[in-house]
Amino acid sequence: MRSKGSPNEDIETWFELYADEIYRFARYSAPKSVDPKDVVQEVFLRAYRSWNSFRDDSSPRTWLFTIARNYIYDLLRKKRVEMNYLERHKPDLSDVSVPLDTLIELEEVLTELTPDKRQVFVLRGIQDLSIEETAQILDWTPAKVKTTFYRAVHELRNLLGESQPMMIRMKEGEGNGDQR
């Protein structure tokens, strides 16, 4: 929600809260020729310019992710390039306690998912957004988010095979109506 401060103050606060998440989303979703830092900058610039269109009944986080998604779609339409995550970045290990080879393998198999499955997995499985937040960002129904996430997890498990059986797990309650 907006504070009682100015747009500058709110955007600055939101930057502190959400810039890292937007960066990680861009890292997995933007074309390899685009620096995720540039995406973050553009998202917050667009948020500032569109300040009056922000609805107080929505979450700043989902609004910013929606701006990021739309901007990345614009980039993909303009460039029509194939996404390749491993060539562009090394895994971000700052908040992960998984071995490096496991992260590299996960990033490799993520490139084999369809764009829809990859986006849902990044938002739900990596960014840890709720079903409802993911549905808002992607402009999907919660049921489509659950189904696509379920399929992405199972496809990742198949692609990873026996090498990492515990790495990909469904979130507790996924598929049984839990809206976390």
C-alpha atoms as a PDB file:
ATOM      1  CA  MET A   1       0.000   0.000   0.000  1.00  0.00           C
ATOM      2  CA  ARG A   2       1.001   3.616  -0.471  1.00  0.00           C
ATOM      3  CA  SER A   3       2.205   5.534   2.525  1.00  0.00           C
ATOM      4  CA  LYS A   4       1.169   9.050   3.239  1.00  0.00           C
ATOM      5  CA  GLY A   5       4.516  10.187   1.831  1.00  0.00           C
ATOM      6  CA  SER A   6       5.392  11.483  -1.591  1.00  0.00           C
ATOM      7  CA  PRO A   7       5.782   9.279  -4.676  1.00  0.00           C
ATOM      8  CA  ASN A   8       9.554   9.727  -4.323  1.00  0.00           C
ATOM      9  CA  GLU A   9       9.520   8.393  -0.758  1.00  0.00           C
ATOM     10  CA  ASP A  10       7.293   5.426  -1.588  1.00  0.00           C
ATOM     11  CA  ILE A  11       9.262   4.442  -4.691  1.00  0.00           C
ATOM     12  CA  GLU A  12      12.490   4.700  -2.696  1.00  0.00           C
ATOM     13  CA  THR A  13      11.044   2.504   0.062  1.00  0.00           C
ATOM     14  CA  TRP A  14       9.759  -0.013  -2.474  1.00  0.00           C
ATOM     15  CA  PHE A  15      13.159  -0.059  -4.156  1.00  0.00           C
ATOM     16  CA  GLU A  16      14.771  -1.001  -0.853  1.00  0.00           C
ATOM     17  CA  LEU A  17      12.165  -3.715  -0.275  1.00  0.00           C
ATOM     18  CA  TYR A  18      11.772  -5.239  -3.745  1.00  0.00           C
ATOM     19  CA  ALA A  19      14.738  -4.386  -5.996  1.00  0.00           C
ATOM     20  CA  ASP A  20      16.553  -7.653  -5.237  1.00  0.00           C
ATOM     21  CA  GLU A  21      13.451  -9.711  -6.038  1.00  0.00           C
ATOM     22  CA  ILE A  22      12.883  -7.842  -9.305  1.00  0.00           C
ATOM     23  CA  TYR A  23      16.562  -8.381 -10.157  1.00  0.00           C
ATOM     24  CA  ARG A  24      16.274 -12.157  -9.634  1.00  0.00           C
ATOM     25  CA  PHE A  25      13.085 -12.268 -11.700  1.00  0.00           C
ATOM     26  CA  ALA A  26      14.783 -10.328 -14.519  1.00  0.00           C
ATOM     27  CA  ARG A  27      17.829 -12.574 -14.322  1.00  0.00           C
ATOM     28  CA  TYR A  28      15.708 -15.596 -15.153  1.00  0.00           C
ATOM     29  CA  SER A  29      13.261 -13.936 -17.536  1.00  0.00           C
ATOM     30  CA  ALA A  30      14.955 -11.189 -19.561  1.00  0.00           C
ATOM     31  CA  PRO A  31      16.899 -11.755 -22.791  1.00  0.00           C
ATOM     32  CA  LYS A  32      20.556 -12.573 -22.196  1.00  0.00           C
ATOM     33  CA  SER A  33      21.628  -9.354 -23.905  1.00  0.00           C
ATOM     34  CA  VAL A  34      19.855  -7.280 -21.234  1.00  0.00           C
ATOM     35  CA  ASP A  35      21.461  -6.566 -17.881  1.00  0.00           C
ATOM     36  CA  PRO A  36      18.976  -7.340 -15.071  1.00  0.00           C
ATOM     37  CA  LYS A  37      20.124  -4.153 -13.313  1.00  0.00           C
ATOM     38  CA  ASP A  38      18.801  -2.185 -16.292  1.00  0.00           C
ATOM     39  CA  VAL A  39      15.458  -3.971 -15.947  1.00  0.00           C
ATOM     40  CA  VAL A  40      15.286  -3.031 -12.260  1.00  0.00           C
ATOM     41  CA  GLN A  41      16.056   0.587 -13.095  1.00  0.00           C
ATOM     42  CA  GLU A  42      13.416   0.676 -15.830  1.00  0.00           C
ATOM     43  CA  VAL A  43      10.784  -0.967 -13.598  1.00  0.00           C
ATOM     44  CA  PHE A  44      11.177   1.655 -10.892  1.00  0.00           C
ATOM     45  CA  LEU A  45      11.301   4.466 -13.440  1.00  0.00           C
ATOM     46  CA  ARG A  46       8.045   3.198 -14.971  1.00  0.00           C
ATOM     47  CA  ALA A  47       6.520   2.837 -11.507  1.00  0.00           C
ATOM     48  CA  TYR A  48       7.391   6.454 -10.761  1.00  0.00           C
ATOM     49  CA  ARG A  49       5.955   7.650 -14.091  1.00  0.00           C
ATOM     50  CA  SER A  50       2.794   5.572 -13.561  1.00  0.00           C
ATOM     51  CA  TRP A  51       2.393   6.525  -9.926  1.00  0.00           C
ATOM     52  CA  ASN A  52      -1.204   7.695 -10.417  1.00  0.00           C
ATOM     53  CA  SER A  53      -2.244   4.344 -11.882  1.00  0.00           C
ATOM     54  CA  PHE A  54      -1.271   2.404  -8.738  1.00  0.00           C
ATOM     55  CA  ARG A  55      -4.408   1.211  -6.969  1.00  0.00           C
ATOM     56  CA  ASP A  56      -4.243   1.372  -3.196  1.00  0.00           C
ATOM     57  CA  ASP A  57      -6.098  -1.941  -2.950  1.00  0.00           C
ATOM     58  CA  SER A  58      -3.237  -3.840  -4.606  1.00  0.00           C
ATOM     59  CA  SER A  59       0.191  -4.792  -3.334  1.00  0.00           C
ATOM     60  CA  PRO A  60       3.211  -2.726  -4.420  1.00  0.00           C
ATOM     61  CA  ARG A  61       5.097  -6.002  -4.859  1.00  0.00           C
ATOM     62  CA  THR A  62       2.634  -7.453  -7.372  1.00  0.00           C
ATOM     63  CA  TRP A  63       2.341  -4.097  -9.160  1.00  0.00           C
ATOM     64  CA  LEU A  64       6.129  -3.907  -9.561  1.00  0.00           C
ATOM     65  CA  PHE A  65       6.363  -7.531 -10.735  1.00  0.00           C
ATOM     66  CA  THR A  66       3.619  -6.823 -13.278  1.00  0.00           C
ATOM     67  CA  ILE A  67       5.572  -3.824 -14.575  1.00  0.00           C
ATOM     68  CA  ALA A  68       8.691  -6.027 -14.760  1.00  0.00           C
ATOM     69  CA  ARG A  69       6.844  -8.778 -16.605  1.00  0.00           C
ATOM     70  CA  ASN A  70       5.376  -6.336 -19.126  1.00  0.00           C
ATOM     71  CA  TYR A  71       8.737  -4.656 -19.709  1.00  0.00           C
ATOM     72  CA  ILE A  72      10.448  -8.010 -20.242  1.00  0.00           C
ATOM     73  CA  TYR A  73       7.693  -9.011 -22.684  1.00  0.00           C
ATOM     74  CA  ASP A  74       8.354  -5.754 -24.557  1.00  0.00           C
ATOM     75  CA  LEU A  75      12.056  -6.603 -24.726  1.00  0.00           C
ATOM     76  CA  LEU A  76      11.345 -10.116 -25.957  1.00  0.00           C
ATOM     77  CA  ARG A  77       8.975  -8.867 -28.625  1.00  0.00           C
ATOM     78  CA  LYS A  78      11.508  -6.311 -29.840  1.00  0.00           C
ATOM     79  CA  LYS A  79      14.533  -8.546 -29.869  1.00  0.00           C
ATOM     80  CA  ARG A  80      13.011 -11.988 -30.463  1.00  0.00           C
ATOM     81  CA  VAL A  81      16.007 -13.598 -28.830  1.00  0.00           C
ATOM     82  CA  GLU A  82      16.345 -16.971 -27.156  1.00  0.00           C
ATOM     83  CA  MET A  83      16.837 -16.763 -23.407  1.00  0.00           C
ATOM     84  CA  ASN A  84      20.047 -18.281 -22.131  1.00  0.00           C
ATOM     85  CA  TYR A  85      20.596 -17.896 -18.408  1.00  0.00           C
ATOM     86  CA  LEU A  86      23.878 -19.695 -17.845  1.00  0.00           C
ATOM     87  CA  GLU A  87      25.867 -17.649 -20.334  1.00  0.00           C
ATOM     88  CA  ARG A  88      24.664 -14.431 -18.764  1.00  0.00           C
ATOM     89  CA  HIS A  89      25.037 -14.978 -15.021  1.00  0.00           C
ATOM     90  CA  LYS A  90      26.468 -17.185 -12.359  1.00  0.00           C
ATOM     91  CA  PRO A  91      24.011 -18.388  -9.719  1.00  0.00           C
ATOM     92  CA  ASP A  92      23.211 -15.970  -6.877  1.00  0.00           C
ATOM     93  CA  LEU A  93      24.410 -17.790  -3.782  1.00  0.00           C
ATOM     94  CA  SER A  94      23.777 -15.050  -1.245  1.00  0.00           C
ATOM     95  CA  ASP A  95      20.678 -16.617   0.279  1.00  0.00           C
ATOM     96  CA  VAL A  96      20.939 -20.248  -0.805  1.00  0.00           C
ATOM     97  CA  SER A  97      22.525 -23.165   1.001  1.00  0.00           C
ATOM     98  CA  VAL A  98      22.529 -25.521  -1.986  1.00  0.00           C
ATOM     99  CA  PRO A  99      25.754 -26.788  -3.574  1.00  0.00           C
ATOM    100  CA  LEU A 100      26.971 -24.805  -6.593  1.00  0.00           C
ATOM    101  CA  ASP A 101      26.777 -27.785  -8.958  1.00  0.00           C
ATOM    102  CA  THR A 102      23.135 -28.288  -7.961  1.00  0.00           C
ATOM    103  CA  LEU A 103      22.298 -24.643  -8.730  1.00  0.00           C
ATOM    104  CA  ILE A 104      24.067 -24.818 -12.076  1.00  0.00           C
ATOM    105  CA  GLU A 105      22.163 -27.982 -12.960  1.00  0.00           C
ATOM    106  CA  LEU A 106      18.860 -26.343 -11.966  1.00  0.00           C
ATOM    107  CA  GLU A 107      19.590 -23.279 -14.112  1.00  0.00           C
ATOM    108  CA  GLU A 108      20.450 -25.546 -17.050  1.00  0.00           C
ATOM    109  CA  VAL A 109      17.186 -27.470 -16.833  1.00  0.00           C
ATOM    110  CA  LEU A 110      15.137 -24.298 -16.316  1.00  0.00           C
ATOM    111  CA  THR A 111      16.064 -23.307 -19.864  1.00  0.00           C
ATOM    112  CA  GLU A 112      14.326 -26.473 -21.075  1.00  0.00           C
ATOM    113  CA  LEU A 113      10.953 -25.487 -19.614  1.00  0.00           C
ATOM    114  CA  THR A 114       8.388 -23.570 -21.640  1.00  0.00           C
ATOM    115  CA  PRO A 115       8.334 -19.828 -20.859  1.00  0.00           C
ATOM    116  CA  ASP A 116       5.057 -20.200 -18.902  1.00  0.00           C
ATOM    117  CA  LYS A 117       6.385 -23.038 -16.742  1.00  0.00           C
ATOM    118  CA  ARG A 118       9.686 -21.246 -16.229  1.00  0.00           C
ATOM    119  CA  GLN A 119       7.978 -18.012 -15.115  1.00  0.00           C
ATOM    120  CA  VAL A 120       5.648 -19.796 -12.722  1.00  0.00           C
ATOM    121  CA  PHE A 121       8.518 -21.807 -11.264  1.00  0.00           C
ATOM    122  CA  VAL A 122      10.661 -18.687 -10.811  1.00  0.00           C
ATOM    123  CA  LEU A 123       7.828 -16.743  -9.160  1.00  0.00           C
ATOM    124  CA  ARG A 124       6.526 -19.584  -6.954  1.00  0.00           C
ATOM    125  CA  GLY A 125       9.558 -21.803  -6.433  1.00  0.00           C
ATOM    126  CA  ILE A 126      12.392 -19.274  -6.329  1.00  0.00           C
ATOM    127  CA  GLN A 127      10.790 -15.925  -5.454  1.00  0.00           C
ATOM    128  CA  ASP A 128       8.344 -17.699  -3.094  1.00  0.00           C
ATOM    129  CA  LEU A 129       5.343 -15.622  -4.156  1.00  0.00           C
ATOM    130  CA  SER A 130       1.892 -16.844  -3.202  1.00  0.00           C
ATOM    131  CA  ILE A 131      -0.468 -18.401  -5.724  1.00  0.00           C
ATOM    132  CA  GLU A 132      -2.595 -15.255  -5.657  1.00  0.00           C
ATOM    133  CA  GLU A 133       0.380 -12.907  -6.179  1.00  0.00           C
ATOM    134  CA  THR A 134       1.649 -15.057  -9.045  1.00  0.00           C
ATOM    135  CA  ALA A 135      -1.819 -15.092 -10.618  1.00  0.00           C
ATOM    136  CA  GLN A 136      -2.011 -11.294 -10.430  1.00  0.00           C
ATOM    137  CA  ILE A 137       1.432 -10.825 -11.952  1.00  0.00           C
ATOM    138  CA  LEU A 138       0.808 -13.238 -14.828  1.00  0.00           C
ATOM    139  CA  ASP A 139      -2.853 -12.238 -15.219  1.00  0.00           C
ATOM    140  CA  TRP A 140      -3.905 -15.872 -14.772  1.00  0.00           C
ATOM    141  CA  THR A 141      -6.390 -17.654 -12.564  1.00  0.00           C
ATOM    142  CA  PRO A 142      -5.060 -19.229  -9.355  1.00  0.00           C
ATOM    143  CA  ALA A 143      -6.025 -22.632 -10.773  1.00  0.00           C
ATOM    144  CA  LYS A 144      -3.831 -22.077 -13.837  1.00  0.00           C
ATOM    145  CA  VAL A 145      -0.934 -21.042 -11.595  1.00  0.00           C
ATOM    146  CA  LYS A 146      -1.306 -24.195  -9.477  1.00  0.00           C
ATOM    147  CA  THR A 147      -1.578 -26.474 -12.493  1.00  0.00           C
ATOM    148  CA  THR A 148       1.340 -24.897 -14.351  1.00  0.00           C
ATOM    149  CA  PHE A 149       3.529 -24.921 -11.228  1.00  0.00           C
ATOM    150  CA  TYR A 150       2.666 -28.581 -10.600  1.00  0.00           C
ATOM    151  CA  ARG A 151       3.602 -29.453 -14.189  1.00  0.00           C
ATOM    152  CA  ALA A 152       6.820 -27.417 -13.998  1.00  0.00           C
ATOM    153  CA  VAL A 153       7.890 -29.176 -10.796  1.00  0.00           C
ATOM    154  CA  HIS A 154       7.206 -32.608 -12.263  1.00  0.00           C
ATOM    155  CA  GLU A 155       9.001 -31.740 -15.491  1.00  0.00           C
ATOM    156  CA  LEU A 156      11.995 -30.457 -13.521  1.00  0.00           C
ATOM    157  CA  ARG A 157      12.041 -33.644 -11.468  1.00  0.00           C
ATOM    158  CA  ASN A 158      12.062 -35.700 -14.669  1.00  0.00           C
ATOM    159  CA  LEU A 159      14.794 -33.558 -16.220  1.00  0.00           C
ATOM    160  CA  LEU A 160      16.938 -33.751 -13.099  1.00  0.00           C
ATOM    161  CA  GLY A 161      16.324 -37.467 -12.748  1.00  0.00           C
ATOM    162  CA  GLU A 162      17.856 -39.212  -9.790  1.00  0.00           C
ATOM    163  CA  SER A 163      20.688 -36.702  -9.450  1.00  0.00           C
ATOM    164  CA  GLN A 164      18.754 -34.328  -7.190  1.00  0.00           C
ATOM    165  CA  PRO A 165      15.662 -36.095  -5.829  1.00  0.00           C
ATOM    166  CA  MET A 166      15.125 -33.702  -2.910  1.00  0.00           C
ATOM    167  CA  MET A 167      15.953 -30.452  -4.693  1.00  0.00           C
ATOM    168  CA  ILE A 168      12.561 -29.866  -6.302  1.00  0.00           C
ATOM    169  CA  ARG A 169       9.653 -30.160  -3.900  1.00  0.00           C
ATOM    170  CA  MET A 170       6.073 -29.071  -4.161  1.00  0.00           C
ATOM    171  CA  LYS A 171       5.091 -26.391  -1.686  1.00  0.00           C
ATOM    172  CA  GLU A 172       3.040 -27.662   1.202  1.00  0.00           C
ATOM    173  CA  GLY A 173      -0.637 -27.650   0.239  1.00  0.00           C
ATOM    174  CA  GLU A 174       0.066 -27.107  -3.480  1.00  0.00           C
ATOM    175  CA  GLY A 175      -2.817 -28.426  -5.496  1.00  0.00           C
ATOM    176  CA  ASN A 176      -5.242 -28.864  -2.592  1.00  0.00           C
ATOM    177  CA  GLY A 177      -6.724 -25.386  -2.465  1.00  0.00           C
ATOM    178  CA  ASP A 178      -4.180 -23.796  -0.115  1.00  0.00           C
ATOM    179  CA  GLN A 179      -3.682 -20.259  -1.388  1.00  0.00           C
ATOM    180  CA  ARG A 180      -0.283 -19.574   0.251  1.00  0.00           C
END
